[in-house]
Amino acid sequence: MNIKKRSDLESLELIHIFEYYDFPLFFISKDPTEKLYLNYYIEESEENIDKWLFSRISVTECKNLMEQRISVLDLLNKLNQRERLFHLFIDSSKTEPDMELNIEVVDANNFDYESFPEEDFYVEYDYVTNEKLTKVEEEILDSKFKLVLKDFQNSHDIGLDFLLDIFENFKKTMNEIAKDVGRSIVGDECSSEKINLRVDSLQPSSFGVWLKTESDDMFDVPEKLLSHLFEIIQNITTKNKKEIEELIFLDESYSIESIKSLKNMLTKVSDNNYTFKLEGNTKYNDDTKVVTFGEESYEKLDVLVNILQENSTSTSECIEVEGELTSVNIAYNQFRVSTTSIGDIKGKISPELFSDLKNKNIQFRVPSVIKARIRKEMITDLVEDTTKIKYELMSYIQPEE
């Protein structure tokens, strides 16, 4: 939450007002960096002190609220469940710009049911634009869609290995997105059924094929995931890094796993100089929907790579092991220990211990029993989709002969 001082609050611009009585009671505001905030008045908790519900929201959440795709209570509950909802206390008698705001996250200890609306409702009017708000139906695509791969020369010739790689990555991407859609419908406990693809018919092109999604899922996840898939490719080709990060980490429309799978698939497309295109029709009014990832979009992969790099992780812990020291190579700074608890491990000697070995003429006995303190580092690289474990020998004890 970037709003910390009175001056931060005063810099916010009101862009949508849904309730008004002497002053705005329920509205959306925007800071100078285009971040959006929900503001919902609760009460005057003490003299001159007003209590509000306050939260950073995404562009998508604002759009869904404005288009009546999500109700006010559902949005507040979502923000609360994800620990993104705050109580903001504003003392009207104090106006110093640098004054720290009294703000606290809403949790089980301070949650008050009466601070939420007694009855659920949808926003109906925007007092900023003086426009009535109406429901916009969610665009759901039919389960049948067309996938087209086209090279720059349109040679109608495609390598089998490339084609199999694309389909493997495409199917993995679809199933990751299906999990995202399932979680948005039934919550984090969702275990979405696996999405299967069937070839409906072939079409003349470099490679074009009509496909159909199949699943036993009762929540129409296959059809909703197609809308989600078309949307995510469109967003990747049109939005900047900041906007895509908001969709992942704030709105949680897409998971890191979905972004990783999609990056892998689109990298195959760009590495082979192909254009990837999806074509479909909306389920209820048969409107055509087309999204394309081609040469003009290749550079957008850097955005996904940067996001994955920044969210790759490295964690470490010190562990105590016992076993047999089976080899040491001082020239290459390597050791190997056969432990009784985690099997064989190998790694490097820490710089401090390596210095002691040289300066204090300490020696290892090989093979021999050893008790060792080892630093274990686990590195998860989301770009390469790998997890590596590194071991560093910090100290050791070997019994006297």
Protein backbone atom coordinates (compact mmCIF):
# COMPACT_ATOMS: atom_id res chain seq x y z
CA MET A 1 0.00 0.00 0.00
CA ASN A 2 1.67 3.21 -1.18
CA ILE A 3 -0.73 5.57 0.57
CA LYS A 4 0.98 6.42 3.87
CA LYS A 5 0.72 10.19 4.42
CA ARG A 6 -1.98 12.81 4.27
CA SER A 7 -0.35 14.28 1.15
CA ASP A 8 -0.61 10.85 -0.56
CA LEU A 9 -4.31 10.80 0.13
CA GLU A 10 -4.83 14.35 -1.10
CA SER A 11 -3.04 13.53 -4.36
CA LEU A 12 -5.77 11.03 -5.29
CA GLU A 13 -8.17 12.01 -8.04
CA LEU A 14 -11.81 10.91 -7.91
CA ILE A 15 -12.65 9.15 -11.17
CA HIS A 16 -15.89 7.31 -10.29
CA ILE A 17 -18.44 8.11 -7.57
CA PHE A 18 -21.21 5.60 -6.83
CA GLU A 19 -22.78 7.05 -3.66
CA TYR A 20 -22.97 10.65 -2.55
CA TYR A 21 -24.52 12.34 0.49
CA ASP A 22 -22.98 15.73 1.39
CA PHE A 23 -19.69 14.15 0.31
CA PRO A 24 -18.67 11.08 -1.72
CA LEU A 25 -19.36 7.92 0.29
CA PHE A 26 -18.34 5.24 -2.16
CA PHE A 27 -15.89 5.98 -4.97
CA ILE A 28 -12.83 4.98 -6.97
CA SER A 29 -9.78 7.23 -6.90
CA LYS A 30 -6.55 7.29 -8.88
CA ASP A 31 -3.05 8.31 -7.83
CA PRO A 32 -0.53 10.15 -10.09
CA THR A 33 0.92 6.80 -11.22
CA GLU A 34 -2.52 5.58 -12.40
CA LYS A 35 -3.01 3.12 -9.52
CA LEU A 36 -6.66 2.71 -8.51
CA TYR A 37 -8.15 2.69 -4.99
CA LEU A 38 -11.54 1.71 -3.67
CA ASN A 39 -12.96 4.00 -0.94
CA TYR A 40 -16.05 2.93 1.03
CA TYR A 41 -17.31 5.05 3.93
CA ILE A 42 -18.27 3.23 7.14
CA GLU A 43 -18.98 5.73 9.89
CA GLU A 44 -17.75 8.53 12.11
CA SER A 45 -16.03 6.34 14.69
CA GLU A 46 -15.06 9.26 16.95
CA GLU A 47 -15.52 13.00 16.84
CA ASN A 48 -13.83 14.32 13.67
CA ILE A 49 -12.58 10.83 12.79
CA ASP A 50 -14.13 9.06 9.79
CA LYS A 51 -13.62 5.35 9.24
CA TRP A 52 -13.34 3.97 5.70
CA LEU A 53 -12.74 0.69 3.92
CA PHE A 54 -9.80 1.30 1.63
CA SER A 55 -8.01 -0.91 -0.90
CA ARG A 56 -5.79 -0.84 -3.95
CA ILE A 57 -7.72 -2.46 -6.81
CA SER A 58 -6.77 -3.46 -10.33
CA VAL A 59 -8.03 -2.00 -13.60
CA THR A 60 -9.83 -5.30 -14.21
CA GLU A 61 -11.56 -5.21 -10.81
CA CYS A 62 -12.68 -1.64 -11.46
CA LYS A 63 -13.96 -2.58 -14.90
CA ASN A 64 -15.85 -5.60 -13.53
CA LEU A 65 -17.42 -3.39 -10.87
CA MET A 66 -18.45 -0.72 -13.40
CA GLU A 67 -19.86 -3.31 -15.81
CA GLN A 68 -21.79 -5.07 -13.01
CA ARG A 69 -19.85 -8.30 -13.47
CA ILE A 70 -19.08 -8.30 -9.76
CA SER A 71 -21.25 -7.01 -6.92
CA VAL A 72 -20.03 -4.66 -4.23
CA LEU A 73 -20.20 -7.27 -1.46
CA ASP A 74 -18.46 -9.90 -3.59
CA LEU A 75 -15.63 -7.47 -4.35
CA LEU A 76 -15.24 -6.49 -0.68
CA ASN A 77 -15.21 -10.14 0.35
CA LYS A 78 -12.59 -10.93 -2.30
CA LEU A 79 -10.36 -8.07 -1.12
CA ASN A 80 -10.81 -9.14 2.48
CA GLN A 81 -10.03 -12.81 1.79
CA ARG A 82 -6.83 -11.83 -0.02
CA GLU A 83 -5.79 -9.50 2.82
CA ARG A 84 -5.95 -6.44 0.57
CA LEU A 85 -8.63 -4.55 2.49
CA PHE A 86 -7.73 -1.85 5.02
CA HIS A 87 -9.41 0.36 7.59
CA LEU A 88 -8.48 3.98 6.99
CA PHE A 89 -9.13 6.51 9.79
CA ILE A 90 -9.16 10.16 8.73
CA ASP A 91 -9.01 12.90 11.34
CA SER A 92 -10.52 16.00 9.70
CA SER A 93 -9.04 18.25 12.40
CA LYS A 94 -5.48 17.42 11.32
CA THR A 95 -4.33 18.48 7.88
CA GLU A 96 -0.53 18.43 8.00
CA PRO A 97 0.71 17.00 4.65
CA ASP A 98 3.41 14.84 6.24
CA MET A 99 1.14 13.39 8.89
CA GLU A 100 1.18 9.58 8.92
CA LEU A 101 -2.21 8.06 8.17
CA ASN A 102 -3.90 5.72 10.62
CA ILE A 103 -4.38 2.64 8.48
CA GLU A 104 -4.69 -1.06 9.42
CA VAL A 105 -5.24 -4.22 7.47
CA VAL A 106 -8.65 -5.82 8.00
CA ASP A 107 -8.25 -9.21 9.69
CA ALA A 108 -10.09 -11.60 11.99
CA ASN A 109 -9.32 -9.42 15.02
CA ASN A 110 -10.85 -6.17 13.73
CA PHE A 111 -13.35 -7.31 11.10
CA ASP A 112 -16.84 -5.88 11.63
CA TYR A 113 -19.72 -7.36 9.62
CA GLU A 114 -21.63 -4.10 10.00
CA SER A 115 -18.94 -2.25 8.04
CA PHE A 116 -20.00 -4.18 4.93
CA PRO A 117 -23.32 -3.48 3.11
CA GLU A 118 -26.34 -5.07 4.79
CA GLU A 119 -27.59 -6.19 1.38
CA ASP A 120 -25.55 -6.91 -1.69
CA PHE A 121 -25.90 -4.59 -4.69
CA TYR A 122 -24.36 -3.56 -7.98
CA VAL A 123 -23.18 -0.04 -8.69
CA GLU A 124 -25.79 1.69 -10.86
CA TYR A 125 -24.70 5.28 -11.41
CA ASP A 126 -21.44 7.19 -11.83
CA TYR A 127 -21.74 10.74 -10.49
CA VAL A 128 -18.47 11.80 -12.15
CA THR A 129 -19.62 11.06 -15.69
CA ASN A 130 -23.35 11.33 -14.84
CA GLU A 131 -23.95 8.04 -16.57
CA LYS A 132 -26.18 5.14 -15.64
CA LEU A 133 -24.25 1.88 -15.37
CA THR A 134 -25.63 -1.26 -16.97
CA LYS A 135 -24.60 -4.89 -16.90
CA VAL A 136 -22.16 -6.06 -19.56
CA GLU A 137 -22.38 -9.77 -20.24
CA GLU A 138 -19.15 -11.73 -19.96
CA GLU A 139 -17.79 -12.72 -23.36
CA ILE A 140 -17.62 -16.52 -23.43
CA LEU A 141 -16.21 -18.28 -26.46
CA ASP A 142 -17.60 -21.44 -27.97
CA SER A 143 -15.61 -24.59 -27.16
CA LYS A 144 -14.63 -24.96 -30.84
CA PHE A 145 -11.78 -22.75 -32.01
CA LYS A 146 -9.12 -22.56 -34.70
CA LEU A 147 -5.35 -22.60 -34.14
CA VAL A 148 -3.19 -21.34 -37.02
CA LEU A 149 0.61 -21.49 -37.36
CA LYS A 150 2.07 -19.57 -40.28
CA ASP A 151 5.69 -18.99 -41.29
CA PHE A 152 6.87 -15.78 -42.93
CA GLN A 153 7.09 -17.39 -46.38
CA ASN A 154 3.74 -19.15 -45.95
CA SER A 155 5.51 -22.25 -47.28
CA HIS A 156 2.81 -24.66 -46.07
CA ASP A 157 5.66 -26.70 -44.63
CA ILE A 158 6.05 -27.26 -40.88
CA GLY A 159 8.49 -29.43 -38.94
CA LEU A 160 6.92 -32.27 -36.99
CA ASP A 161 9.11 -31.68 -33.90
CA PHE A 162 8.11 -28.02 -33.85
CA LEU A 163 4.44 -28.89 -34.25
CA LEU A 164 4.55 -31.45 -31.41
CA ASP A 165 6.38 -28.96 -29.15
CA ILE A 166 3.72 -26.31 -29.82
CA PHE A 167 0.85 -28.69 -29.08
CA GLU A 168 2.51 -29.99 -25.92
CA ASN A 169 3.10 -26.46 -24.62
CA PHE A 170 -0.33 -25.29 -25.76
CA LYS A 171 -2.10 -28.07 -23.90
CA LYS A 172 -0.04 -27.41 -20.76
CA THR A 173 -0.86 -23.70 -20.98
CA MET A 174 -4.57 -24.42 -21.34
CA ASN A 175 -4.60 -26.64 -18.27
CA GLU A 176 -2.74 -24.04 -16.20
CA ILE A 177 -5.24 -21.38 -17.26
CA ALA A 178 -8.09 -23.77 -16.47
CA LYS A 179 -6.78 -23.88 -12.88
CA ASP A 180 -6.78 -20.06 -12.79
CA VAL A 181 -10.36 -19.96 -14.04
CA GLY A 182 -11.44 -22.67 -11.60
CA ARG A 183 -9.93 -20.80 -8.65
CA SER A 184 -11.74 -17.62 -9.68
CA ILE A 185 -15.05 -19.52 -9.67
CA VAL A 186 -14.86 -21.79 -6.61
CA GLY A 187 -11.80 -20.53 -4.72
CA ASP A 188 -8.29 -21.76 -3.98
CA GLU A 189 -9.49 -25.27 -3.15
CA CYS A 190 -10.40 -25.81 -6.80
CA SER A 191 -9.07 -28.96 -8.46
CA SER A 192 -10.18 -28.41 -12.05
CA GLU A 193 -10.69 -31.40 -14.31
CA LYS A 194 -8.01 -31.88 -16.96
CA ILE A 195 -8.83 -30.17 -20.23
CA ASN A 196 -8.65 -32.39 -23.30
CA LEU A 197 -8.39 -31.27 -26.93
CA ARG A 198 -9.88 -33.00 -29.96
CA VAL A 199 -9.17 -32.25 -33.61
CA ASP A 200 -12.42 -31.23 -35.31
CA SER A 201 -11.12 -30.55 -38.83
CA LEU A 202 -8.05 -29.35 -40.75
CA GLN A 203 -7.89 -26.10 -42.69
CA PRO A 204 -5.60 -24.97 -45.54
CA SER A 205 -2.85 -22.69 -44.25
CA SER A 206 0.76 -23.13 -43.18
CA PHE A 207 -1.00 -25.14 -40.51
CA GLY A 208 -4.56 -24.60 -39.39
CA VAL A 209 -6.72 -26.89 -37.32
CA TRP A 210 -10.13 -26.57 -35.69
CA LEU A 211 -10.00 -27.87 -32.13
CA LYS A 212 -12.60 -28.54 -29.43
CA THR A 213 -12.13 -28.49 -25.67
CA GLU A 214 -13.56 -31.28 -23.57
CA SER A 215 -13.93 -31.70 -19.81
CA ASP A 216 -16.33 -33.13 -17.26
CA ASP A 217 -16.15 -29.85 -15.33
CA MET A 218 -19.59 -28.63 -14.23
CA PHE A 219 -18.69 -24.92 -14.18
CA ASP A 220 -18.15 -24.46 -17.97
CA VAL A 221 -14.43 -24.01 -17.32
CA PRO A 222 -13.44 -25.19 -20.86
CA GLU A 223 -15.42 -22.38 -22.50
CA LYS A 224 -14.38 -19.76 -19.96
CA LEU A 225 -10.74 -20.76 -20.23
CA LEU A 226 -10.83 -20.06 -23.97
CA SER A 227 -12.02 -16.52 -23.27
CA HIS A 228 -9.24 -16.28 -20.69
CA LEU A 229 -6.65 -17.68 -23.12
CA PHE A 230 -7.62 -15.25 -25.91
CA GLU A 231 -7.53 -12.42 -23.38
CA ILE A 232 -4.10 -13.24 -21.97
CA ILE A 233 -2.50 -13.39 -25.43
CA GLN A 234 -4.16 -10.10 -26.32
CA ASN A 235 -2.90 -8.55 -23.08
CA ILE A 236 0.65 -9.78 -23.63
CA THR A 237 0.76 -8.24 -27.11
CA THR A 238 -0.77 -4.89 -26.07
CA LYS A 239 -0.02 -4.19 -22.39
CA ASN A 240 3.18 -3.05 -20.71
CA LYS A 241 5.09 -4.80 -17.92
CA LYS A 242 3.37 -2.83 -15.15
CA GLU A 243 -0.10 -3.70 -16.44
CA ILE A 244 0.72 -7.39 -16.85
CA GLU A 245 2.20 -7.54 -13.34
CA GLU A 246 -1.03 -6.07 -11.97
CA LEU A 247 -3.02 -8.85 -13.66
CA ILE A 248 -0.75 -11.47 -12.07
CA PHE A 249 -0.03 -10.16 -8.59
CA LEU A 250 -2.92 -7.82 -7.77
CA ASP A 251 -5.95 -9.01 -9.68
CA GLU A 252 -4.59 -12.60 -9.76
CA SER A 253 -6.16 -13.22 -13.16
CA TYR A 254 -3.16 -15.30 -14.18
CA SER A 255 -0.83 -17.45 -12.13
CA ILE A 256 2.95 -17.52 -12.51
CA GLU A 257 2.57 -21.10 -13.77
CA SER A 258 0.28 -19.92 -16.59
CA ILE A 259 2.69 -17.13 -17.53
CA LYS A 260 5.59 -19.60 -17.50
CA SER A 261 3.78 -22.09 -19.74
CA LEU A 262 2.66 -19.39 -22.14
CA LYS A 263 6.18 -17.93 -22.32
CA ASN A 264 7.60 -21.35 -23.19
CA MET A 265 5.07 -21.85 -25.99
CA LEU A 266 5.44 -18.38 -27.49
CA THR A 267 9.24 -18.65 -27.30
CA LYS A 268 8.99 -21.72 -29.55
CA VAL A 269 6.91 -19.65 -31.97
CA SER A 270 9.36 -16.73 -32.06
CA ASP A 271 12.49 -18.92 -32.21
CA ASN A 272 11.10 -20.55 -35.36
CA ASN A 273 9.85 -17.28 -36.91
CA TYR A 274 6.19 -18.30 -36.95
CA THR A 275 2.95 -16.44 -36.35
CA PHE A 276 0.57 -17.99 -33.83
CA LYS A 277 -3.12 -17.15 -34.23
CA LEU A 278 -6.32 -18.21 -32.46
CA GLU A 279 -9.76 -17.72 -33.99
CA GLY A 280 -13.09 -18.35 -32.28
CA ASN A 281 -16.69 -17.23 -31.99
CA THR A 282 -18.59 -15.97 -28.97
CA LYS A 283 -21.03 -18.52 -27.62
CA TYR A 284 -24.22 -16.45 -27.58
CA ASN A 285 -24.01 -13.95 -30.46
CA ASP A 286 -21.47 -15.68 -32.75
CA ASP A 287 -19.12 -12.68 -32.95
CA THR A 288 -15.68 -13.48 -34.34
CA LYS A 289 -12.71 -13.18 -31.98
CA VAL A 290 -9.11 -13.29 -33.23
CA VAL A 291 -5.82 -12.87 -31.36
CA THR A 292 -2.38 -13.01 -32.96
CA PHE A 293 1.18 -13.34 -31.72
CA GLY A 294 3.58 -12.60 -34.58
CA GLU A 295 6.82 -10.89 -35.52
CA GLU A 296 5.67 -7.51 -34.20
CA SER A 297 5.03 -9.11 -30.79
CA TYR A 298 8.26 -11.09 -30.33
CA GLU A 299 9.86 -8.36 -28.22
CA LYS A 300 6.98 -8.61 -25.74
CA LEU A 301 8.43 -11.92 -24.58
CA ASP A 302 11.10 -9.86 -22.80
CA VAL A 303 8.35 -8.56 -20.51
CA LEU A 304 7.37 -12.10 -19.50
CA VAL A 305 11.01 -13.12 -19.07
CA ASN A 306 11.67 -10.10 -16.81
CA ILE A 307 8.62 -10.90 -14.68
CA LEU A 308 9.71 -14.52 -14.31
CA GLN A 309 13.30 -13.50 -13.52
CA GLU A 310 12.17 -11.08 -10.82
CA ASN A 311 10.00 -13.76 -9.22
CA SER A 312 12.53 -16.58 -9.34
CA THR A 313 13.52 -17.51 -5.81
CA SER A 314 16.57 -18.54 -3.85
CA THR A 315 16.23 -19.88 -0.30
CA SER A 316 18.93 -21.24 1.97
CA GLU A 317 19.28 -23.04 5.29
CA CYS A 318 22.09 -24.56 7.33
CA ILE A 319 21.81 -28.29 7.97
CA GLU A 320 23.81 -30.73 10.08
CA VAL A 321 24.70 -34.03 8.39
CA GLU A 322 26.59 -37.17 9.34
CA GLY A 323 28.08 -39.72 7.00
CA GLU A 324 31.23 -40.60 5.11
CA LEU A 325 33.42 -38.12 3.28
CA THR A 326 34.06 -40.00 0.04
CA SER A 327 36.07 -37.45 -1.96
CA VAL A 328 37.65 -34.00 -1.81
CA ASN A 329 39.26 -32.13 -4.71
CA ILE A 330 41.02 -29.03 -3.45
CA ALA A 331 42.12 -27.98 -6.96
CA TYR A 332 38.49 -27.76 -8.13
CA ASN A 333 37.08 -26.92 -4.69
CA GLN A 334 34.70 -29.88 -4.60
CA PHE A 335 33.58 -32.38 -1.99
CA ARG A 336 31.27 -35.37 -1.82
CA VAL A 337 29.63 -36.85 1.28
CA SER A 338 27.51 -39.97 1.56
CA THR A 339 25.07 -39.03 4.34
CA THR A 340 22.84 -41.22 6.46
CA SER A 341 19.85 -38.85 6.14
CA ILE A 342 19.66 -37.32 2.62
CA GLY A 343 21.88 -39.58 0.52
CA ASP A 344 24.90 -38.47 -1.48
CA ILE A 345 25.55 -34.74 -1.68
CA LYS A 346 28.27 -32.82 -3.44
CA GLY A 347 29.22 -29.18 -3.58
CA LYS A 348 31.88 -26.58 -2.85
CA ILE A 349 33.84 -25.61 0.24
CA SER A 350 32.99 -22.20 1.68
CA PRO A 351 35.58 -19.43 1.08
CA GLU A 352 36.24 -19.13 4.83
CA LEU A 353 36.86 -22.85 5.30
CA PHE A 354 38.88 -23.03 2.09
CA SER A 355 41.12 -20.24 3.42
CA ASP A 356 41.60 -22.11 6.71
CA LEU A 357 42.57 -25.25 4.83
CA LYS A 358 45.38 -23.35 3.10
CA ASN A 359 46.56 -21.12 5.94
CA LYS A 360 46.25 -23.50 8.89
CA ASN A 361 47.35 -26.63 7.08
CA ILE A 362 44.09 -28.42 7.93
CA GLN A 363 43.52 -31.64 6.04
CA PHE A 364 40.62 -33.95 5.27
CA ARG A 365 40.80 -37.68 5.74
CA VAL A 366 39.24 -39.57 2.84
CA PRO A 367 37.39 -41.84 3.08
CA SER A 368 36.40 -41.19 6.67
CA VAL A 369 33.46 -40.53 8.97
CA ILE A 370 32.44 -36.87 9.06
CA LYS A 371 30.02 -34.56 10.85
CA ALA A 372 29.44 -31.44 8.79
CA ARG A 373 27.56 -28.17 8.87
CA ILE A 374 26.39 -27.45 5.33
CA ARG A 375 24.61 -24.52 3.73
CA LYS A 376 21.84 -25.81 1.45
CA GLU A 377 20.59 -23.36 -1.19
CA MET A 378 17.52 -24.08 -3.33
CA ILE A 379 17.30 -21.99 -6.52
CA THR A 380 14.05 -21.92 -8.50
CA ASP A 381 14.56 -20.42 -11.97
CA LEU A 382 11.15 -19.66 -13.49
CA VAL A 383 12.64 -18.65 -16.83
CA GLU A 384 14.45 -21.95 -17.35
CA ASP A 385 11.76 -23.85 -15.40
CA THR A 386 14.40 -25.54 -13.24
CA THR A 387 15.07 -26.09 -9.54
CA LYS A 388 18.67 -26.57 -8.43
CA ILE A 389 20.12 -27.41 -5.03
CA LYS A 390 23.62 -26.23 -4.12
CA TYR A 391 25.61 -27.39 -1.10
CA GLU A 392 28.42 -25.47 0.59
CA LEU A 393 30.57 -27.04 3.31
CA MET A 394 30.83 -24.52 6.16
CA SER A 395 32.57 -26.58 8.90
CA TYR A 396 33.23 -30.17 9.79
CA ILE A 397 34.52 -32.58 12.42
CA GLN A 398 36.33 -35.82 11.74
CA PRO A 399 37.29 -38.17 14.60
CA GLU A 400 40.93 -38.54 15.47
CA GLU A 401 42.51 -41.64 14.08
